[in-house]
N, C-alpha and C. Protein backbone atom coordinates (compact mmCIF):
# COMPACT_ATOMS: atom_id res chain seq x y z
N GLU A 1 -21.94 -15.91 -28.13
CA GLU A 1 -21.13 -14.69 -28.25
C GLU A 1 -21.51 -13.69 -27.14
N LEU A 2 -22.81 -13.44 -27.01
CA LEU A 2 -23.28 -12.48 -26.00
C LEU A 2 -22.97 -13.00 -24.59
N ASN A 3 -23.17 -14.30 -24.36
CA ASN A 3 -22.87 -14.87 -23.05
C ASN A 3 -21.39 -14.75 -22.72
N GLN A 4 -20.55 -14.90 -23.70
CA GLN A 4 -19.10 -14.78 -23.50
C GLN A 4 -18.74 -13.34 -23.11
N GLN A 5 -19.38 -12.37 -23.75
CA GLN A 5 -19.12 -10.97 -23.42
C GLN A 5 -19.61 -10.64 -22.02
N VAL A 6 -20.76 -11.20 -21.64
CA VAL A 6 -21.30 -10.98 -20.30
C VAL A 6 -20.34 -11.56 -19.26
N ASP A 7 -19.85 -12.77 -19.49
CA ASP A 7 -18.89 -13.38 -18.57
C ASP A 7 -17.62 -12.54 -18.46
N SER A 8 -17.16 -12.04 -19.59
CA SER A 8 -15.96 -11.21 -19.61
C SER A 8 -16.17 -9.93 -18.81
N LEU A 9 -17.32 -9.30 -18.98
CA LEU A 9 -17.63 -8.07 -18.24
C LEU A 9 -17.75 -8.35 -16.74
N GLN A 10 -18.32 -9.49 -16.38
CA GLN A 10 -18.43 -9.84 -14.96
C GLN A 10 -17.04 -10.02 -14.35
N ASN A 11 -16.14 -10.62 -15.10
CA ASN A 11 -14.77 -10.77 -14.62
C ASN A 11 -14.09 -9.42 -14.43
N VAL A 12 -14.33 -8.51 -15.36
CA VAL A 12 -13.75 -7.17 -15.25
C VAL A 12 -14.30 -6.46 -14.02
N VAL A 13 -15.60 -6.58 -13.78
CA VAL A 13 -16.23 -5.96 -12.62
C VAL A 13 -15.60 -6.50 -11.34
N LEU A 14 -15.41 -7.81 -11.26
CA LEU A 14 -14.78 -8.40 -10.08
C LEU A 14 -13.36 -7.90 -9.88
N GLN A 15 -12.62 -7.78 -10.96
CA GLN A 15 -11.24 -7.28 -10.86
C GLN A 15 -11.22 -5.84 -10.38
N VAL A 16 -12.14 -5.03 -10.87
CA VAL A 16 -12.22 -3.62 -10.45
C VAL A 16 -12.59 -3.54 -8.97
N GLN A 17 -13.52 -4.41 -8.53
CA GLN A 17 -13.89 -4.41 -7.12
C GLN A 17 -12.69 -4.80 -6.25
N GLU A 18 -11.94 -5.81 -6.66
CA GLU A 18 -10.75 -6.21 -5.90
C GLU A 18 -9.72 -5.08 -5.87
N LEU A 19 -9.53 -4.42 -6.98
CA LEU A 19 -8.60 -3.30 -7.04
C LEU A 19 -9.05 -2.17 -6.12
N HIS A 20 -10.34 -1.89 -6.11
CA HIS A 20 -10.89 -0.85 -5.25
C HIS A 20 -10.63 -1.18 -3.78
N HIS A 21 -10.92 -2.42 -3.39
CA HIS A 21 -10.69 -2.82 -2.00
C HIS A 21 -9.21 -2.70 -1.64
N GLY A 22 -8.35 -3.09 -2.57
CA GLY A 22 -6.92 -2.98 -2.33
C GLY A 22 -6.47 -1.54 -2.18
N LEU A 23 -7.01 -0.66 -3.01
CA LEU A 23 -6.65 0.77 -2.92
C LEU A 23 -7.14 1.39 -1.62
N VAL A 24 -8.34 1.01 -1.20
CA VAL A 24 -8.87 1.52 0.07
C VAL A 24 -7.97 1.09 1.22
N ALA A 25 -7.57 -0.18 1.22
CA ALA A 25 -6.68 -0.67 2.28
C ALA A 25 -5.33 0.04 2.23
N PHE A 26 -4.82 0.23 1.03
CA PHE A 26 -3.53 0.91 0.86
C PHE A 26 -3.60 2.35 1.37
N CYS A 27 -4.65 3.06 1.01
CA CYS A 27 -4.82 4.45 1.48
C CYS A 27 -4.95 4.50 3.00
N SER A 28 -5.66 3.54 3.55
CA SER A 28 -5.81 3.48 5.00
C SER A 28 -4.45 3.29 5.67
N GLU A 29 -3.62 2.42 5.11
CA GLU A 29 -2.28 2.22 5.66
C GLU A 29 -1.46 3.50 5.58
N LEU A 30 -1.56 4.20 4.46
CA LEU A 30 -0.80 5.45 4.30
C LEU A 30 -1.23 6.48 5.34
N LYS A 31 -2.53 6.55 5.62
CA LYS A 31 -3.03 7.53 6.58
C LYS A 31 -2.54 7.23 7.99
N THR A 32 -2.34 5.95 8.29
CA THR A 32 -1.95 5.59 9.65
C THR A 32 -0.44 5.59 9.86
N MET A 33 0.31 5.87 8.82
CA MET A 33 1.77 5.92 8.99
C MET A 33 2.14 7.05 9.92
N ASP A 34 3.16 6.83 10.72
CA ASP A 34 3.63 7.83 11.68
C ASP A 34 4.39 8.91 10.94
N THR A 35 3.73 10.06 10.74
CA THR A 35 4.35 11.13 9.97
C THR A 35 5.02 12.18 10.85
N ASP A 36 4.66 12.20 12.13
CA ASP A 36 5.23 13.21 13.03
C ASP A 36 6.16 12.51 14.01
N VAL A 37 7.37 12.30 13.59
CA VAL A 37 8.34 11.58 14.41
C VAL A 37 9.26 12.58 15.10
N ASN A 38 9.35 12.46 16.40
CA ASN A 38 10.24 13.32 17.17
C ASN A 38 11.57 12.61 17.34
N VAL A 39 12.61 13.14 16.73
CA VAL A 39 13.93 12.51 16.78
C VAL A 39 14.90 13.31 17.64
N ASP A 40 14.41 14.32 18.32
CA ASP A 40 15.28 15.12 19.18
C ASP A 40 15.84 14.24 20.30
N GLY A 41 17.11 14.34 20.52
CA GLY A 41 17.74 13.61 21.61
C GLY A 41 18.12 12.18 21.30
N LEU A 42 17.85 11.72 20.09
CA LEU A 42 18.23 10.36 19.73
C LEU A 42 19.68 10.33 19.27
N GLY A 43 20.37 9.26 19.62
CA GLY A 43 21.74 9.09 19.17
C GLY A 43 21.78 8.58 17.74
N SER A 44 22.98 8.53 17.19
CA SER A 44 23.11 8.12 15.78
C SER A 44 22.67 6.68 15.57
N ALA A 45 22.93 5.80 16.53
CA ALA A 45 22.51 4.40 16.39
C ALA A 45 20.98 4.29 16.37
N GLU A 46 20.33 5.06 17.25
CA GLU A 46 18.86 5.04 17.28
C GLU A 46 18.28 5.63 16.00
N LEU A 47 18.91 6.70 15.51
CA LEU A 47 18.45 7.31 14.26
C LEU A 47 18.60 6.34 13.10
N ARG A 48 19.72 5.62 13.06
CA ARG A 48 19.93 4.62 12.00
C ARG A 48 18.87 3.54 12.07
N GLU A 49 18.57 3.10 13.28
CA GLU A 49 17.55 2.06 13.46
C GLU A 49 16.18 2.54 12.99
N ARG A 50 15.83 3.76 13.37
CA ARG A 50 14.55 4.33 12.92
C ARG A 50 14.51 4.46 11.41
N LEU A 51 15.62 4.89 10.82
CA LEU A 51 15.69 5.04 9.37
C LEU A 51 15.50 3.69 8.68
N GLU A 52 16.10 2.65 9.23
CA GLU A 52 15.93 1.31 8.66
C GLU A 52 14.48 0.87 8.72
N VAL A 53 13.82 1.14 9.84
CA VAL A 53 12.41 0.77 9.99
C VAL A 53 11.55 1.52 8.97
N VAL A 54 11.78 2.82 8.85
CA VAL A 54 11.00 3.63 7.92
C VAL A 54 11.27 3.19 6.48
N ASN A 55 12.52 2.92 6.15
CA ASN A 55 12.85 2.44 4.80
C ASN A 55 12.16 1.11 4.51
N SER A 56 12.13 0.23 5.49
CA SER A 56 11.47 -1.06 5.33
C SER A 56 9.98 -0.87 5.08
N GLN A 57 9.36 0.03 5.86
CA GLN A 57 7.94 0.31 5.67
C GLN A 57 7.68 0.90 4.29
N LEU A 58 8.56 1.78 3.85
CA LEU A 58 8.40 2.40 2.54
C LEU A 58 8.50 1.36 1.43
N MET A 59 9.46 0.46 1.54
CA MET A 59 9.61 -0.60 0.54
C MET A 59 8.36 -1.47 0.48
N GLU A 60 7.80 -1.77 1.65
CA GLU A 60 6.58 -2.58 1.71
C GLU A 60 5.43 -1.85 1.03
N LYS A 61 5.31 -0.55 1.29
CA LYS A 61 4.24 0.24 0.66
C LYS A 61 4.43 0.29 -0.85
N ARG A 62 5.67 0.44 -1.30
CA ARG A 62 5.93 0.45 -2.74
C ARG A 62 5.55 -0.87 -3.38
N GLN A 63 5.89 -1.98 -2.72
CA GLN A 63 5.54 -3.29 -3.25
C GLN A 63 4.02 -3.45 -3.33
N ASN A 64 3.32 -3.03 -2.27
CA ASN A 64 1.86 -3.10 -2.28
C ASN A 64 1.29 -2.26 -3.41
N PHE A 65 1.86 -1.08 -3.62
CA PHE A 65 1.39 -0.20 -4.68
C PHE A 65 1.60 -0.85 -6.05
N LEU A 66 2.78 -1.44 -6.26
CA LEU A 66 3.06 -2.09 -7.54
C LEU A 66 2.13 -3.27 -7.77
N ILE A 67 1.82 -4.00 -6.72
CA ILE A 67 0.88 -5.12 -6.85
C ILE A 67 -0.49 -4.60 -7.25
N LEU A 68 -0.91 -3.49 -6.65
CA LEU A 68 -2.23 -2.93 -6.96
C LEU A 68 -2.31 -2.36 -8.37
N ARG A 69 -1.17 -1.92 -8.90
CA ARG A 69 -1.16 -1.38 -10.26
C ARG A 69 -1.50 -2.48 -11.22
């Protein structure tokens, strides 16, 4: 009984460590995102392209976040 509880706790500790590493990586990605984008002088096609890229990055971040949850 006690050995089973110890094994269970060790598994929980490993899961928490994996979650921590995932959160650290996720936060690092968020910090490196390009937040200061200069769009002055861009045409509508270029703006649409940039918007698609940013939306794609956002979807990827959301998926990573949901996986980490």
